[in-house]
Each structure stands twice: as structure tokens, then as C-alpha cells.
Amino acid sequence: MLTDRAKEILNGAEEKMQEAVLFLEEDLKTYRVGKASPSIFNGVTVNYYGSPTPLMQVASVTTPDAKTLAIQPWERNMIPVIEKAILDANLGFTPQNNGEIIRCVVPALTEERRKDLVKKAKAAGEQAKVVVRNARRDAMDLLKKAQKNEGMSEDTEKEGEGEVQKITDKFVKNVDEIVAAKEKEILTV
């Protein structure tokens, strides 16, 4: 039977692992996979009166069709600034404006670019796994300290370590599934 302290340690580890998975999911959304998605611009910041501001806070981004992104700035004088930010972000497309709206046509991905994106997705997955494993290590250390310094029984510590491993395995599997799904999406022409 796990003590409250052991449950607290497990919950903390699970929370850190969940954050790693959520961060991975958000990161993978920014990968351009041949179809238009406003989330492509999540990492783009513009110089808004001297301070770096996320693009989504100075304009509305819509997808009029599967291959086009339309950016409607709240202020017309932001058009050149937004265009520069998109070019600087090196997303692989050139913005065009008509004086009111900036349009970005999403080109089809080349074979080479698809392979690069898959590599990048796998690397992001590995980073997430490192965070998950670090959370496991921290939880194991806390359980050992609790047994040594706080009078937790050895059986409770061992049971806690088993639970930490189960949680770790679940999140590592989750990361693998997310990366595999993204890889499939990237490679689907």
C-alpha cells in the first residue's frame, strides 16, 4: 500500500512526464506537412513597437483553402513587419500581400524536406523521452530519500519504484505513438 508521500512523488513525476508529452505535441504541430495550418506560425514572433510579440497576437490567421494561409493584421502598418518575420522564420514560403491581407501558399514538400522533418520529429521525440526518463530518475531518488530519511518502508519504496516504471513505460510508449503518427503524416503525399 503506497503512502501519501509515495503517491505525492508519483503524481509529481507523472505531471512532469505529461508536460513533456504536451510540449512534444505542440512542437510537432508547427511542422509544415504540405497542408495549411495556422499552427505553423506558433513560433513566429514579430517586432510590435519594439517588443517581440507572437504573430497570433497581432493578426488573425485563417486557411481559406488547403494550400493557403491568410494573415489579416489588426493594423495595416504591420504588414511589412509580419512579412519580414515570416521570411526570418525560414518556414519555406514567401508571403505576398495585397495591401490588406498577407497570403502564404504552402508548397508541396520535397522528398528531402520530408526526410528532414521526420528526422526532426524523431529528435523531438527523443528529447521528450529524455525529460520523461529524468522525471523517473528524480522520482526514484525521492523515493530512496523518503525511505532513508522519512521512515518510508522498504516495501513501499519498492512498490513506488515499480509504479514509477509503469508510468514511465506508458509515457515513453505515448511519445513513440505520437512521433510515429507525425512521421506517417509527414510521409503521406
Protein backbone atom coordinates (compact mmCIF):
# COMPACT_ATOMS: atom_id res chain seq x y z
CA MET A 1 0.00 0.00 0.00
CA LEU A 2 1.51 3.32 -1.09
CA THR A 3 1.79 6.08 1.49
CA ASP A 4 0.67 9.65 0.85
CA ARG A 5 4.31 10.69 0.39
CA ALA A 6 4.86 7.96 -2.23
CA LYS A 7 1.67 8.99 -4.05
CA GLU A 8 2.82 12.61 -3.97
CA ILE A 9 6.15 11.63 -5.57
CA LEU A 10 4.37 9.54 -8.23
CA ASN A 11 1.94 12.36 -9.04
CA GLY A 12 4.80 14.84 -9.40
CA ALA A 13 6.66 12.53 -11.78
CA GLU A 14 3.52 11.84 -13.82
CA GLU A 15 2.83 15.57 -14.09
CA LYS A 16 6.35 16.26 -15.44
CA MET A 17 6.00 13.40 -17.94
CA GLN A 18 2.60 14.69 -19.09
CA GLU A 19 4.09 18.15 -19.63
CA ALA A 20 6.84 16.64 -21.80
CA VAL A 21 4.25 14.87 -23.97
CA LEU A 22 2.10 18.00 -24.30
CA PHE A 23 5.16 20.06 -25.26
CA LEU A 24 6.06 17.46 -27.91
CA GLU A 25 2.53 17.55 -29.35
CA GLU A 26 2.58 21.36 -29.55
CA ASP A 27 6.05 21.33 -31.12
CA LEU A 28 5.05 18.80 -33.77
CA LYS A 29 2.02 20.92 -34.72
CA THR A 30 4.40 23.59 -36.02
CA TYR A 31 5.86 21.22 -38.62
CA ARG A 32 4.68 22.13 -42.09
CA VAL A 33 3.47 18.95 -43.75
CA GLY A 34 2.15 20.18 -47.08
CA LYS A 35 -1.23 21.42 -45.90
CA ALA A 36 -2.03 24.83 -44.49
CA SER A 37 -2.45 25.12 -40.73
CA PRO A 38 -2.36 28.31 -38.66
CA SER A 39 -0.24 26.47 -36.05
CA ILE A 40 2.69 26.71 -38.50
CA PHE A 41 3.07 30.28 -37.22
CA ASN A 42 3.11 29.36 -33.50
CA GLY A 43 6.85 30.04 -33.26
CA VAL A 44 6.84 33.26 -35.32
CA THR A 45 7.36 36.48 -33.41
CA VAL A 46 7.06 39.97 -34.86
CA ASN A 47 8.59 43.22 -33.70
CA TYR A 48 5.48 45.01 -32.39
CA TYR A 49 6.51 48.54 -31.42
CA GLY A 50 9.88 47.36 -30.15
CA SER A 51 8.86 44.20 -28.32
CA PRO A 52 8.84 40.63 -29.73
CA THR A 53 5.21 39.51 -29.93
CA PRO A 54 3.72 36.22 -31.21
CA LEU A 55 2.21 36.65 -34.69
CA MET A 56 -1.15 35.35 -33.44
CA GLN A 57 -1.41 38.42 -31.14
CA VAL A 58 -1.06 40.99 -33.95
CA ALA A 59 -3.10 39.31 -36.69
CA SER A 60 -5.73 36.70 -37.39
CA VAL A 61 -4.56 33.68 -39.36
CA THR A 62 -7.05 31.68 -41.43
CA THR A 63 -6.90 28.91 -44.03
CA PRO A 64 -9.13 29.85 -46.98
CA ASP A 65 -8.18 26.54 -48.63
CA ALA A 66 -5.91 23.52 -48.02
CA LYS A 67 -2.83 25.17 -49.55
CA THR A 68 -3.19 28.83 -48.50
CA LEU A 69 -2.78 30.76 -45.25
CA ALA A 70 -4.26 34.25 -44.99
CA ILE A 71 -2.91 36.66 -42.39
CA GLN A 72 -5.05 39.71 -41.59
CA PRO A 73 -3.06 42.13 -39.40
CA TRP A 74 -5.01 44.18 -36.86
CA GLU A 75 -3.04 47.22 -38.04
CA ARG A 76 -2.18 47.81 -41.70
CA ASN A 77 1.29 49.21 -40.88
CA MET A 78 2.23 45.76 -39.51
CA ILE A 79 2.18 44.11 -42.97
CA PRO A 80 5.91 44.64 -43.79
CA VAL A 81 6.90 43.68 -40.24
CA ILE A 82 4.88 40.44 -40.43
CA GLU A 83 6.30 39.62 -43.87
CA LYS A 84 9.83 40.08 -42.55
CA ALA A 85 9.09 37.88 -39.51
CA ILE A 86 7.73 35.10 -41.75
CA LEU A 87 10.80 35.28 -44.00
CA ASP A 88 13.13 35.33 -40.97
CA ALA A 89 11.36 32.26 -39.52
CA ASN A 90 12.51 30.32 -42.61
CA LEU A 91 9.29 28.34 -42.95
CA GLY A 92 9.78 27.67 -46.64
CA PHE A 93 7.25 30.02 -48.18
CA THR A 94 7.21 33.57 -49.41
CA PRO A 95 4.49 35.92 -48.17
CA GLN A 96 2.60 38.08 -50.69
CA ASN A 97 0.32 40.96 -49.77
CA ASN A 98 -2.39 42.99 -51.48
CA GLY A 99 -2.17 45.90 -49.03
CA GLU A 100 -4.65 44.37 -46.58
CA ILE A 101 -4.02 40.62 -46.35
CA ILE A 102 -0.81 38.62 -46.47
CA ARG A 103 -1.14 35.30 -48.28
CA CYS A 104 1.25 32.38 -47.99
CA VAL A 105 0.88 29.49 -50.42
CA VAL A 106 2.10 26.28 -48.83
CA PRO A 107 4.21 24.44 -51.41
CA ALA A 108 4.26 20.66 -51.62
CA LEU A 109 7.07 19.10 -49.64
CA THR A 110 10.04 17.64 -51.46
CA GLU A 111 11.26 14.14 -50.62
CA GLU A 112 14.36 15.61 -48.99
CA ARG A 113 12.34 18.03 -46.86
CA ARG A 114 10.04 15.19 -45.75
CA LYS A 115 13.06 13.16 -44.61
CA ASP A 116 14.43 16.19 -42.73
CA LEU A 117 11.08 16.70 -40.98
CA VAL A 118 10.93 13.02 -39.98
CA LYS A 119 14.45 13.31 -38.55
CA LYS A 120 13.48 16.46 -36.69
CA ALA A 121 10.30 14.80 -35.33
CA LYS A 122 12.28 11.79 -34.10
CA ALA A 123 14.80 14.10 -32.41
CA ALA A 124 11.94 15.96 -30.69
CA GLY A 125 10.57 12.59 -29.58
CA GLU A 126 13.94 11.62 -28.12
CA GLN A 127 14.06 14.94 -26.25
CA ALA A 128 10.63 14.21 -24.77
CA LYS A 129 11.82 10.74 -23.72
CA VAL A 130 14.85 12.28 -22.01
CA VAL A 131 12.52 14.54 -19.99
CA VAL A 132 10.35 11.52 -19.11
CA ARG A 133 13.39 9.50 -18.01
CA ASN A 134 14.71 12.43 -15.97
CA ALA A 135 11.35 12.65 -14.19
CA ARG A 136 11.61 8.90 -13.48
CA ARG A 137 15.13 9.29 -12.09
CA ASP A 138 14.06 12.20 -9.90
CA ALA A 139 11.08 10.21 -8.56
CA MET A 140 13.28 7.18 -7.82
CA ASP A 141 15.75 9.43 -5.95
CA LEU A 142 12.93 10.98 -3.93
CA LEU A 143 11.58 7.53 -3.03
CA LYS A 144 15.04 6.41 -1.86
CA LYS A 145 15.46 9.59 0.21
CA ALA A 146 11.99 9.13 1.71
CA GLN A 147 12.87 5.58 2.71
CA LYS A 148 16.21 6.67 4.17
CA ASN A 149 15.23 9.95 5.88
CA GLU A 150 11.44 9.93 6.34
CA GLY A 151 10.91 6.40 7.58
CA MET A 152 9.14 5.07 4.47
CA SER A 153 9.17 1.27 4.48
CA GLU A 154 11.38 -0.56 2.02
CA ASP A 155 8.34 -2.38 0.60
CA THR A 156 6.58 0.93 -0.07
CA GLU A 157 9.71 2.29 -1.73
CA LYS A 158 9.99 -0.80 -3.99
CA GLU A 159 6.28 -0.65 -4.83
CA GLY A 160 6.67 3.07 -5.62
CA GLU A 161 9.62 2.36 -7.89
CA GLY A 162 7.55 -0.24 -9.74
CA GLU A 163 4.73 2.28 -10.18
CA VAL A 164 7.17 4.94 -11.43
CA GLN A 165 8.47 2.46 -14.00
CA LYS A 166 4.92 1.65 -15.17
CA ILE A 167 4.16 5.36 -15.59
CA THR A 168 7.45 5.88 -17.42
CA ASP A 169 6.75 2.99 -19.81
CA LYS A 170 3.27 4.41 -20.51
CA PHE A 171 4.64 7.86 -21.39
CA VAL A 172 7.55 6.53 -23.48
CA LYS A 173 5.03 4.44 -25.46
CA ASN A 174 2.84 7.55 -25.82
CA VAL A 175 5.80 9.56 -27.19
CA ASP A 176 6.60 6.76 -29.67
CA GLU A 177 2.97 6.71 -30.87
CA ILE A 178 2.86 10.50 -31.31
CA VAL A 179 6.13 10.52 -33.28
CA ALA A 180 5.02 7.55 -35.43
CA ALA A 181 1.71 9.30 -36.24
CA LYS A 182 3.56 12.51 -37.18
CA GLU A 183 6.03 10.53 -39.30
CA LYS A 184 3.13 8.90 -41.15
CA GLU A 185 1.52 12.31 -41.67
CA ILE A 186 4.78 13.79 -43.00
CA LEU A 187 5.44 10.92 -45.39
CA THR A 188 1.87 10.81 -46.74
CA VAL A 189 1.96 12.58 -50.09
